[in-house]
């Protein structure tokens, strides 16, 4: 079926139908986006996808609202917003449209659903207190997207529609960046796993470039690894490995004698020609050559 119209409600907007529109306008770029509450538009019809309005959820009829009772729920009983429903039905095709490898589709679909879509669903349904974000409650993506709505005394005709269309590329940038990041993480994991195998029992992991590595190190059970080295531009870096994603504590810090030093002072402290910098917090150091950074890494590992 050719989709000719994407229909959501008029008036003020929330993150769920805005983010739903990101998905649908990419999949159906030739369809006209209509914002209306008129019965003629929000009634299912051929060539039409209706979302966040219409008081019904019927995937076969292409209507995806969540405001009716009973409201649509996930298998675990948590409520859907229109974004969750659209992602459930169209998310995999959206990932394919962004050239995500087929082998990664299900994994990334689930990951994005749990970490990006579900929080929007819960906030939109009042199933989670926005204050759970603490001092950053006003900086969450749903809140920031809704700040793009017109101010209360902007009474111009079409102000809400204009604001919605202006907010759409902003929302799109966040969704696409989140997907690209997850796809890149999957690529990085494959590369890191190969590097771990090549490293054997060494305490230093060498990577061909900077990339996310901690999750792969944990998945591989490579508890013996303490440091990672990789090129960065014309230099080379030596970094620590955090104990977990919830902590800044490292498996091993760089030597205390290196902290905050640069150039000749650092060369003298570590005894390595070409040493250039060590952060005062001792989680990263830089050298001018691979040979120098590998020597620094070995000395740090021995001291640890």
C-alpha atoms as a PDB file:
ATOM      1  CA  UNK A   1       0.000   0.000   0.000  1.00  0.00           C
ATOM      2  CA  UNK A   2       1.248   3.488  -0.847  1.00  0.00           C
ATOM      3  CA  UNK A   3       1.163   5.796   2.171  1.00  0.00           C
ATOM      4  CA  UNK A   4      -0.062   9.225   1.143  1.00  0.00           C
ATOM      5  CA  UNK A   5      -0.808  10.853   4.514  1.00  0.00           C
ATOM      6  CA  UNK A   6       0.716  10.797   7.992  1.00  0.00           C
ATOM      7  CA  UNK A   7      -1.868  12.105  10.437  1.00  0.00           C
ATOM      8  CA  UNK A   8      -1.359  13.277  14.010  1.00  0.00           C
ATOM      9  CA  UNK A   9      -3.270  15.734  16.172  1.00  0.00           C
ATOM     10  CA  UNK A  10      -3.216  19.512  15.842  1.00  0.00           C
ATOM     11  CA  UNK A  11      -2.485  22.018  18.612  1.00  0.00           C
ATOM     12  CA  UNK A  12       0.355  21.717  21.102  1.00  0.00           C
ATOM     13  CA  UNK A  13       2.730  18.805  20.661  1.00  0.00           C
ATOM     14  CA  UNK A  14       4.663  16.396  22.833  1.00  0.00           C
ATOM     15  CA  UNK A  15       7.797  14.375  22.280  1.00  0.00           C
ATOM     16  CA  UNK A  16       5.981  11.137  21.424  1.00  0.00           C
ATOM     17  CA  UNK A  17       4.201  12.246  18.235  1.00  0.00           C
ATOM     18  CA  UNK A  18       7.167  14.405  17.232  1.00  0.00           C
ATOM     19  CA  UNK A  19       9.557  11.450  17.498  1.00  0.00           C
ATOM     20  CA  UNK A  20       7.005   9.207  15.776  1.00  0.00           C
ATOM     21  CA  UNK A  21       7.013  11.684  12.903  1.00  0.00           C
ATOM     22  CA  UNK A  22      10.792  11.335  12.647  1.00  0.00           C
ATOM     23  CA  UNK A  23      10.384   7.613  11.981  1.00  0.00           C
ATOM     24  CA  UNK A  24       7.445   7.879   9.615  1.00  0.00           C
ATOM     25  CA  UNK A  25       8.646  10.809   7.495  1.00  0.00           C
ATOM     26  CA  UNK A  26      11.867   8.944   6.758  1.00  0.00           C
ATOM     27  CA  UNK A  27      10.038   5.793   5.738  1.00  0.00           C
ATOM     28  CA  UNK A  28       7.371   7.656   3.759  1.00  0.00           C
ATOM     29  CA  UNK A  29       9.076  10.840   2.525  1.00  0.00           C
ATOM     30  CA  UNK A  30       6.435  11.519  -0.132  1.00  0.00           C
ATOM     31  CA  UNK A  31       3.521  11.356   2.295  1.00  0.00           C
ATOM     32  CA  UNK A  32       1.913  14.597   3.473  1.00  0.00           C
ATOM     33  CA  UNK A  33       2.059  15.232   7.208  1.00  0.00           C
ATOM     34  CA  UNK A  34      -1.344  16.381   8.460  1.00  0.00           C
ATOM     35  CA  UNK A  35      -2.018  17.795  11.939  1.00  0.00           C
ATOM     36  CA  UNK A  36      -5.753  17.641  12.617  1.00  0.00           C
ATOM     37  CA  UNK A  37      -8.441  16.477  15.029  1.00  0.00           C
ATOM     38  CA  UNK A  38     -11.186  16.417  12.410  1.00  0.00           C
ATOM     39  CA  UNK A  39     -13.026  13.096  12.186  1.00  0.00           C
ATOM     40  CA  UNK A  40     -12.519  12.992   8.441  1.00  0.00           C
ATOM     41  CA  UNK A  41      -8.754  12.835   8.986  1.00  0.00           C
ATOM     42  CA  UNK A  42      -8.427  10.746  12.150  1.00  0.00           C
ATOM     43  CA  UNK A  43     -10.575   7.899  10.837  1.00  0.00           C
ATOM     44  CA  UNK A  44      -8.613   4.995   9.283  1.00  0.00           C
ATOM     45  CA  UNK A  45      -8.501   4.982   5.491  1.00  0.00           C
ATOM     46  CA  UNK A  46      -6.365   3.523   2.724  1.00  0.00           C
ATOM     47  CA  UNK A  47      -2.967   5.193   2.383  1.00  0.00           C
ATOM     48  CA  UNK A  48      -3.137   6.771   5.838  1.00  0.00           C
ATOM     49  CA  UNK A  49      -1.164   6.264   9.075  1.00  0.00           C
ATOM     50  CA  UNK A  50      -2.773   7.870  12.130  1.00  0.00           C
ATOM     51  CA  UNK A  51      -0.856   8.273  15.398  1.00  0.00           C
ATOM     52  CA  UNK A  52      -1.340   9.832  18.831  1.00  0.00           C
ATOM     53  CA  UNK A  53      -4.947  10.574  17.965  1.00  0.00           C
ATOM     54  CA  UNK A  54      -8.082   8.623  17.046  1.00  0.00           C
ATOM     55  CA  UNK A  55      -8.812   6.732  20.294  1.00  0.00           C
ATOM     56  CA  UNK A  56      -7.805   3.352  18.858  1.00  0.00           C
ATOM     57  CA  UNK A  57      -4.827   1.073  18.350  1.00  0.00           C
ATOM     58  CA  UNK A  58      -5.068  -1.261  15.399  1.00  0.00           C
ATOM     59  CA  UNK A  59      -1.886  -2.043  13.514  1.00  0.00           C
ATOM     60  CA  UNK A  60      -3.811  -3.554  10.632  1.00  0.00           C
ATOM     61  CA  UNK A  61      -5.855  -0.399  10.199  1.00  0.00           C
ATOM     62  CA  UNK A  62      -2.721   1.770  10.644  1.00  0.00           C
ATOM     63  CA  UNK A  63      -3.999   3.697  13.662  1.00  0.00           C
ATOM     64  CA  UNK A  64      -1.693   4.070  16.674  1.00  0.00           C
ATOM     65  CA  UNK A  65      -3.236   5.971  19.571  1.00  0.00           C
ATOM     66  CA  UNK A  66      -2.711   5.261  23.265  1.00  0.00           C
ATOM     67  CA  UNK A  67      -5.135   7.624  25.036  1.00  0.00           C
ATOM     68  CA  UNK A  68      -8.131   5.240  25.033  1.00  0.00           C
ATOM     69  CA  UNK A  69      -9.107   2.708  27.661  1.00  0.00           C
ATOM     70  CA  UNK A  70      -7.912   0.069  27.815  1.00  0.00           C
ATOM     71  CA  UNK A  71      -4.615   1.563  26.710  1.00  0.00           C
ATOM     72  CA  UNK A  72      -2.021  -0.511  24.836  1.00  0.00           C
ATOM     73  CA  UNK A  73       0.609  -2.106  27.054  1.00  0.00           C
ATOM     74  CA  UNK A  74       3.943  -3.807  26.472  1.00  0.00           C
ATOM     75  CA  UNK A  75       4.320  -7.467  27.374  1.00  0.00           C
ATOM     76  CA  UNK A  76       5.696  -6.430  30.781  1.00  0.00           C
ATOM     77  CA  UNK A  77       2.673  -4.208  31.458  1.00  0.00           C
ATOM     78  CA  UNK A  78       4.377  -0.864  30.881  1.00  0.00           C
ATOM     79  CA  UNK A  79       2.365   1.610  28.802  1.00  0.00           C
ATOM     80  CA  UNK A  80       3.047   2.579  25.217  1.00  0.00           C
ATOM     81  CA  UNK A  81       2.931   6.119  23.900  1.00  0.00           C
ATOM     82  CA  UNK A  82       2.493   6.685  20.186  1.00  0.00           C
ATOM     83  CA  UNK A  83       6.288   6.631  19.836  1.00  0.00           C
ATOM     84  CA  UNK A  84       6.512   3.159  21.332  1.00  0.00           C
ATOM     85  CA  UNK A  85       3.750   1.882  19.074  1.00  0.00           C
ATOM     86  CA  UNK A  86       5.326   3.371  15.962  1.00  0.00           C
ATOM     87  CA  UNK A  87       8.743   2.013  16.941  1.00  0.00           C
ATOM     88  CA  UNK A  88       7.256  -1.425  17.593  1.00  0.00           C
ATOM     89  CA  UNK A  89       5.689  -1.561  14.128  1.00  0.00           C
ATOM     90  CA  UNK A  90       8.120   0.465  11.999  1.00  0.00           C
ATOM     91  CA  UNK A  91      11.396   0.582  13.927  1.00  0.00           C
ATOM     92  CA  UNK A  92      13.104  -2.274  12.132  1.00  0.00           C
ATOM     93  CA  UNK A  93      12.328  -0.801   8.716  1.00  0.00           C
ATOM     94  CA  UNK A  94      13.611   2.543   9.983  1.00  0.00           C
ATOM     95  CA  UNK A  95      16.919   0.936  10.986  1.00  0.00           C
ATOM     96  CA  UNK A  96      17.205  -0.652   7.553  1.00  0.00           C
ATOM     97  CA  UNK A  97      16.640   2.766   5.987  1.00  0.00           C
ATOM     98  CA  UNK A  98      19.714   3.970   7.914  1.00  0.00           C
ATOM     99  CA  UNK A  99      21.757   1.052   6.525  1.00  0.00           C
ATOM    100  CA  UNK A 100      22.065  -0.793   9.827  1.00  0.00           C
ATOM    101  CA  UNK A 101      23.369  -4.298   8.988  1.00  0.00           C
ATOM    102  CA  UNK A 102      20.620  -6.897   9.006  1.00  0.00           C
ATOM    103  CA  UNK A 103      22.515  -8.973  11.574  1.00  0.00           C
ATOM    104  CA  UNK A 104      22.324  -6.057  14.032  1.00  0.00           C
ATOM    105  CA  UNK A 105      18.703  -5.019  13.441  1.00  0.00           C
ATOM    106  CA  UNK A 106      17.073  -6.925  16.301  1.00  0.00           C
ATOM    107  CA  UNK A 107      19.776  -6.048  18.833  1.00  0.00           C
ATOM    108  CA  UNK A 108      19.736  -2.335  18.037  1.00  0.00           C
ATOM    109  CA  UNK A 109      15.942  -2.264  17.800  1.00  0.00           C
ATOM    110  CA  UNK A 110      15.694  -3.664  21.325  1.00  0.00           C
ATOM    111  CA  UNK A 111      18.478  -1.484  22.719  1.00  0.00           C
ATOM    112  CA  UNK A 112      16.969   1.694  21.290  1.00  0.00           C
ATOM    113  CA  UNK A 113      13.531   0.694  22.506  1.00  0.00           C
ATOM    114  CA  UNK A 114      14.659   0.157  26.077  1.00  0.00           C
ATOM    115  CA  UNK A 115      16.986   3.125  26.473  1.00  0.00           C
ATOM    116  CA  UNK A 116      15.395   5.780  24.223  1.00  0.00           C
ATOM    117  CA  UNK A 117      11.780   4.898  23.408  1.00  0.00           C
ATOM    118  CA  UNK A 118      10.610   3.465  26.725  1.00  0.00           C
ATOM    119  CA  UNK A 119      11.533   6.557  28.806  1.00  0.00           C
ATOM    120  CA  UNK A 120       9.512   8.708  26.383  1.00  0.00           C
ATOM    121  CA  UNK A 121       6.581   6.299  26.699  1.00  0.00           C
ATOM    122  CA  UNK A 122       6.708   6.358  30.493  1.00  0.00           C
ATOM    123  CA  UNK A 123       6.992  10.134  30.765  1.00  0.00           C
ATOM    124  CA  UNK A 124       4.183  10.720  28.288  1.00  0.00           C
ATOM    125  CA  UNK A 125       1.865   8.418  30.238  1.00  0.00           C
ATOM    126  CA  UNK A 126       2.788   9.828  33.654  1.00  0.00           C
ATOM    127  CA  UNK A 127       4.189   6.412  34.615  1.00  0.00           C
ATOM    128  CA  UNK A 128       7.469   7.926  35.773  1.00  0.00           C
ATOM    129  CA  UNK A 129       8.160  11.064  37.759  1.00  0.00           C
ATOM    130  CA  UNK A 130      10.156  13.579  35.664  1.00  0.00           C
ATOM    131  CA  UNK A 131      11.966  14.465  38.885  1.00  0.00           C
ATOM    132  CA  UNK A 132      13.725  11.079  38.770  1.00  0.00           C
ATOM    133  CA  UNK A 133      16.363  12.877  36.688  1.00  0.00           C
ATOM    134  CA  UNK A 134      17.138  15.081  39.678  1.00  0.00           C
ATOM    135  CA  UNK A 135      18.771  18.437  38.882  1.00  0.00           C
ATOM    136  CA  UNK A 136      18.797  17.467  35.196  1.00  0.00           C
ATOM    137  CA  UNK A 137      15.014  16.924  35.044  1.00  0.00           C
ATOM    138  CA  UNK A 138      14.630  20.018  32.894  1.00  0.00           C
ATOM    139  CA  UNK A 139      17.294  18.817  30.477  1.00  0.00           C
ATOM    140  CA  UNK A 140      15.796  15.500  29.373  1.00  0.00           C
ATOM    141  CA  UNK A 141      15.088  15.142  25.665  1.00  0.00           C
ATOM    142  CA  UNK A 142      11.258  15.130  25.977  1.00  0.00           C
ATOM    143  CA  UNK A 143      11.366  18.343  27.997  1.00  0.00           C
ATOM    144  CA  UNK A 144      13.800  20.024  25.627  1.00  0.00           C
ATOM    145  CA  UNK A 145      11.717  19.093  22.587  1.00  0.00           C
ATOM    146  CA  UNK A 146       8.616  20.531  24.191  1.00  0.00           C
ATOM    147  CA  UNK A 147      10.388  23.845  24.825  1.00  0.00           C
ATOM    148  CA  UNK A 148      10.234  24.271  21.041  1.00  0.00           C
ATOM    149  CA  UNK A 149       6.470  24.800  21.257  1.00  0.00           C
ATOM    150  CA  UNK A 150       5.204  28.373  20.834  1.00  0.00           C
ATOM    151  CA  UNK A 151       5.020  30.486  23.992  1.00  0.00           C
ATOM    152  CA  UNK A 152       1.565  30.858  25.539  1.00  0.00           C
ATOM    153  CA  UNK A 153       0.795  34.269  24.044  1.00  0.00           C
ATOM    154  CA  UNK A 154       1.876  33.469  20.494  1.00  0.00           C
ATOM    155  CA  UNK A 155      -1.578  33.542  18.910  1.00  0.00           C
ATOM    156  CA  UNK A 156      -0.568  33.559  15.268  1.00  0.00           C
ATOM    157  CA  UNK A 157      -2.527  31.318  12.938  1.00  0.00           C
ATOM    158  CA  UNK A 158      -0.515  28.173  12.320  1.00  0.00           C
ATOM    159  CA  UNK A 159       1.987  28.864  15.127  1.00  0.00           C
ATOM    160  CA  UNK A 160       1.716  25.311  16.513  1.00  0.00           C
ATOM    161  CA  UNK A 161       2.124  23.718  13.090  1.00  0.00           C
ATOM    162  CA  UNK A 162       5.094  25.929  12.247  1.00  0.00           C
ATOM    163  CA  UNK A 163       6.760  25.095  15.559  1.00  0.00           C
ATOM    164  CA  UNK A 164       6.117  21.376  15.041  1.00  0.00           C
ATOM    165  CA  UNK A 165       7.744  21.396  11.613  1.00  0.00           C
ATOM    166  CA  UNK A 166      10.693  23.425  12.931  1.00  0.00           C
ATOM    167  CA  UNK A 167      11.135  20.963  15.818  1.00  0.00           C
ATOM    168  CA  UNK A 168      11.049  17.927  13.532  1.00  0.00           C
ATOM    169  CA  UNK A 169      14.651  18.204  12.203  1.00  0.00           C
ATOM    170  CA  UNK A 170      15.885  18.795  15.762  1.00  0.00           C
ATOM    171  CA  UNK A 171      14.212  15.595  16.927  1.00  0.00           C
ATOM    172  CA  UNK A 172      15.483  13.795  13.823  1.00  0.00           C
ATOM    173  CA  UNK A 173      19.074  14.726  14.635  1.00  0.00           C
ATOM    174  CA  UNK A 174      18.828  13.137  18.084  1.00  0.00           C
ATOM    175  CA  UNK A 175      17.168   9.930  16.849  1.00  0.00           C
ATOM    176  CA  UNK A 176      19.615   9.408  13.987  1.00  0.00           C
ATOM    177  CA  UNK A 177      22.619  10.161  16.194  1.00  0.00           C
ATOM    178  CA  UNK A 178      21.402   7.643  18.770  1.00  0.00           C
ATOM    179  CA  UNK A 179      20.982   4.958  16.106  1.00  0.00           C
ATOM    180  CA  UNK A 180      24.352   5.710  14.515  1.00  0.00           C
ATOM    181  CA  UNK A 181      25.988   5.484  17.925  1.00  0.00           C
ATOM    182  CA  UNK A 182      24.494   2.079  18.620  1.00  0.00           C
ATOM    183  CA  UNK A 183      25.461   0.776  15.178  1.00  0.00           C
ATOM    184  CA  UNK A 184      29.000   2.070  15.679  1.00  0.00           C
ATOM    185  CA  UNK A 185      29.174   0.391  19.065  1.00  0.00           C
ATOM    186  CA  UNK A 186      28.342  -2.928  17.438  1.00  0.00           C
ATOM    187  CA  UNK A 187      31.110  -2.413  14.866  1.00  0.00           C
ATOM    188  CA  UNK A 188      33.541  -1.447  17.603  1.00  0.00           C
ATOM    189  CA  UNK A 189      32.673  -4.521  19.637  1.00  0.00           C
ATOM    190  CA  UNK A 190      33.704  -6.784  16.771  1.00  0.00           C
ATOM    191  CA  UNK A 191      37.023  -4.963  16.389  1.00  0.00           C
ATOM    192  CA  UNK A 192      37.739  -4.972  20.130  1.00  0.00           C
ATOM    193  CA  UNK A 193      37.009  -8.689  20.392  1.00  0.00           C
ATOM    194  CA  UNK A 194      39.582  -9.366  17.680  1.00  0.00           C
ATOM    195  CA  UNK A 195      42.120  -7.167  19.457  1.00  0.00           C
ATOM    196  CA  UNK A 196      41.516  -8.957  22.772  1.00  0.00           C
ATOM    197  CA  UNK A 197      42.176 -12.300  21.116  1.00  0.00           C
ATOM    198  CA  UNK A 198      45.393 -10.940  19.607  1.00  0.00           C
ATOM    199  CA  UNK A 199      46.519  -9.518  22.967  1.00  0.00           C
ATOM    200  CA  UNK A 200      46.367 -12.882  24.710  1.00  0.00           C
ATOM    201  CA  UNK A 201      47.242 -12.519  28.393  1.00  0.00           C
ATOM    202  CA  UNK A 202      48.880  -9.106  28.016  1.00  0.00           C
ATOM    203  CA  UNK A 203      47.659  -6.356  30.338  1.00  0.00           C
ATOM    204  CA  UNK A 204      47.662  -3.782  27.552  1.00  0.00           C
ATOM    205  CA  UNK A 205      45.113  -3.817  24.713  1.00  0.00           C
ATOM    206  CA  UNK A 206      46.136  -2.131  21.461  1.00  0.00           C
ATOM    207  CA  UNK A 207      43.368  -0.824  19.199  1.00  0.00           C
ATOM    208  CA  UNK A 208      43.695   0.570  15.674  1.00  0.00           C
ATOM    209  CA  UNK A 209      41.818   3.764  16.586  1.00  0.00           C
ATOM    210  CA  UNK A 210      39.813   5.297  19.381  1.00  0.00           C
ATOM    211  CA  UNK A 211      36.506   3.469  19.883  1.00  0.00           C
ATOM    212  CA  UNK A 212      34.141   2.269  22.638  1.00  0.00           C
ATOM    213  CA  UNK A 213      35.817  -0.718  24.249  1.00  0.00           C
ATOM    214  CA  UNK A 214      34.674  -1.308  27.832  1.00  0.00           C
ATOM    215  CA  UNK A 215      31.516  -3.313  27.068  1.00  0.00           C
ATOM    216  CA  UNK A 216      33.454  -5.656  24.772  1.00  0.00           C
ATOM    217  CA  UNK A 217      36.178  -6.084  27.393  1.00  0.00           C
ATOM    218  CA  UNK A 218      33.521  -7.043  29.931  1.00  0.00           C
ATOM    219  CA  UNK A 219      31.719  -9.337  27.503  1.00  0.00           C
ATOM    220  CA  UNK A 220      34.992 -11.110  26.724  1.00  0.00           C
ATOM    221  CA  UNK A 221      35.693 -11.564  30.437  1.00  0.00           C
ATOM    222  CA  UNK A 222      39.124  -9.988  29.891  1.00  0.00           C
ATOM    223  CA  UNK A 223      39.661  -9.098  33.535  1.00  0.00           C
ATOM    224  CA  UNK A 224      43.427  -9.151  33.102  1.00  0.00           C
ATOM    225  CA  UNK A 225      43.415  -6.048  30.891  1.00  0.00           C
ATOM    226  CA  UNK A 226      44.369  -2.812  32.654  1.00  0.00           C
ATOM    227  CA  UNK A 227      45.097  -0.284  29.909  1.00  0.00           C
ATOM    228  CA  UNK A 228      44.260   0.521  26.288  1.00  0.00           C
ATOM    229  CA  UNK A 229      46.477   2.209  23.698  1.00  0.00           C
ATOM    230  CA  UNK A 230      45.529   3.593  20.294  1.00  0.00           C
ATOM    231  CA  UNK A 231      46.612   6.265  17.817  1.00  0.00           C
ATOM    232  CA  UNK A 232      45.023   9.713  17.951  1.00  0.00           C
ATOM    233  CA  UNK A 233      45.981  11.923  15.038  1.00  0.00           C
ATOM    234  CA  UNK A 234      49.780  12.076  14.986  1.00  0.00           C
ATOM    235  CA  UNK A 235      50.024  11.042  18.658  1.00  0.00           C
ATOM    236  CA  UNK A 236      49.245   7.912  20.634  1.00  0.00           C
ATOM    237  CA  UNK A 237      47.129   7.653  23.781  1.00  0.00           C
ATOM    238  CA  UNK A 238      47.174   5.412  26.835  1.00  0.00           C
ATOM    239  CA  UNK A 239      43.894   5.160  28.742  1.00  0.00           C
ATOM    240  CA  UNK A 240      42.624   3.312  31.776  1.00  0.00           C
ATOM    241  CA  UNK A 241      39.644   0.932  31.824  1.00  0.00           C
ATOM    242  CA  UNK A 242      36.761   1.874  34.108  1.00  0.00           C
ATOM    243  CA  UNK A 243      35.524  -0.804  36.488  1.00  0.00           C
ATOM    244  CA  UNK A 244      31.928  -0.259  35.397  1.00  0.00           C
ATOM    245  CA  UNK A 245      29.711   2.078  33.439  1.00  0.00           C
ATOM    246  CA  UNK A 246      28.398   3.539  36.693  1.00  0.00           C
ATOM    247  CA  UNK A 247      31.795   4.486  38.080  1.00  0.00           C
ATOM    248  CA  UNK A 248      34.782   6.597  37.155  1.00  0.00           C
ATOM    249  CA  UNK A 249      37.013   4.288  39.179  1.00  0.00           C
ATOM    250  CA  UNK A 250      39.585   2.523  37.002  1.00  0.00           C
ATOM    251  CA  UNK A 251      40.912  -1.000  37.190  1.00  0.00           C
ATOM    252  CA  UNK A 252      44.320   0.643  37.595  1.00  0.00           C
ATOM    253  CA  UNK A 253      45.381   4.294  37.523  1.00  0.00           C
ATOM    254  CA  UNK A 254      48.417   5.610  35.734  1.00  0.00           C
ATOM    255  CA  UNK A 255      51.408   6.148  38.064  1.00  0.00           C
ATOM    256  CA  UNK A 256      50.988   8.940  40.612  1.00  0.00           C
ATOM    257  CA  UNK A 257      54.413  10.362  39.695  1.00  0.00           C
ATOM    258  CA  UNK A 258      53.124  11.164  36.185  1.00  0.00           C
ATOM    259  CA  UNK A 259      50.069  13.134  37.253  1.00  0.00           C
ATOM    260  CA  UNK A 260      49.703  16.531  35.598  1.00  0.00           C
ATOM    261  CA  UNK A 261      53.108  16.471  33.912  1.00  0.00           C
ATOM    262  CA  UNK A 262      53.949  17.354  30.302  1.00  0.00           C
ATOM    263  CA  UNK A 263      56.854  17.072  27.883  1.00  0.00           C
ATOM    264  CA  UNK A 264      60.334  17.027  29.494  1.00  0.00           C
ATOM    265  CA  UNK A 265      58.978  16.818  33.032  1.00  0.00           C
ATOM    266  CA  UNK A 266      56.922  13.767  32.101  1.00  0.00           C
ATOM    267  CA  UNK A 267      59.811  12.205  30.193  1.00  0.00           C
ATOM    268  CA  UNK A 268      61.946  12.539  33.311  1.00  0.00           C
ATOM    269  CA  UNK A 269      59.250  11.117  35.590  1.00  0.00           C
ATOM    270  CA  UNK A 270      58.435   8.057  33.485  1.00  0.00           C
ATOM    271  CA  UNK A 271      61.796   7.569  31.807  1.00  0.00           C
ATOM    272  CA  UNK A 272      60.315   7.426  28.305  1.00  0.00           C
ATOM    273  CA  UNK A 273      61.477   9.670  25.471  1.00  0.00           C
ATOM    274  CA  UNK A 274      58.482  11.033  23.603  1.00  0.00           C
ATOM    275  CA  UNK A 275      56.097  11.176  26.562  1.00  0.00           C
ATOM    276  CA  UNK A 276      53.989  14.321  26.156  1.00  0.00           C
ATOM    277  CA  UNK A 277      51.157  14.541  28.684  1.00  0.00           C
ATOM    278  CA  UNK A 278      49.463  12.813  31.603  1.00  0.00           C
ATOM    279  CA  UNK A 279      46.163  14.026  32.968  1.00  0.00           C
ATOM    280  CA  UNK A 280      46.174  15.061  36.598  1.00  0.00           C
ATOM    281  CA  UNK A 281      43.387  12.506  37.239  1.00  0.00           C
ATOM    282  CA  UNK A 282      45.699   9.764  35.834  1.00  0.00           C
ATOM    283  CA  UNK A 283      43.229   8.232  33.376  1.00  0.00           C
ATOM    284  CA  UNK A 284      44.924   9.243  30.110  1.00  0.00           C
ATOM    285  CA  UNK A 285      48.437   9.896  28.860  1.00  0.00           C
ATOM    286  CA  UNK A 286      49.789  10.879  25.447  1.00  0.00           C
ATOM    287  CA  UNK A 287      53.051  10.156  23.646  1.00  0.00           C
ATOM    288  CA  UNK A 288      54.422  11.082  20.241  1.00  0.00           C
ATOM    289  CA  UNK A 289      55.090   7.541  18.970  1.00  0.00           C
ATOM    290  CA  UNK A 290      53.743   4.029  19.277  1.00  0.00           C
ATOM    291  CA  UNK A 291      57.023   2.831  20.760  1.00  0.00           C
ATOM    292  CA  UNK A 292      56.865   5.496  23.462  1.00  0.00           C
ATOM    293  CA  UNK A 293      53.238   4.844  24.401  1.00  0.00           C
ATOM    294  CA  UNK A 294      53.785   1.084  24.543  1.00  0.00           C
ATOM    295  CA  UNK A 295      56.743   1.586  26.857  1.00  0.00           C
ATOM    296  CA  UNK A 296      54.666   3.877  29.063  1.00  0.00           C
ATOM    297  CA  UNK A 297      51.886   1.299  29.096  1.00  0.00           C
ATOM    298  CA  UNK A 298      54.224  -1.502  30.128  1.00  0.00           C
ATOM    299  CA  UNK A 299      55.688   0.600  32.939  1.00  0.00           C
ATOM    300  CA  UNK A 300      52.213   1.579  34.145  1.00  0.00           C
ATOM    301  CA  UNK A 301      51.114  -2.064  34.068  1.00  0.00           C
ATOM    302  CA  UNK A 302      54.205  -3.185  35.998  1.00  0.00           C
ATOM    303  CA  UNK A 303      53.666  -0.526  38.653  1.00  0.00           C
ATOM    304  CA  UNK A 304      49.974  -1.399  38.922  1.00  0.00           C
END
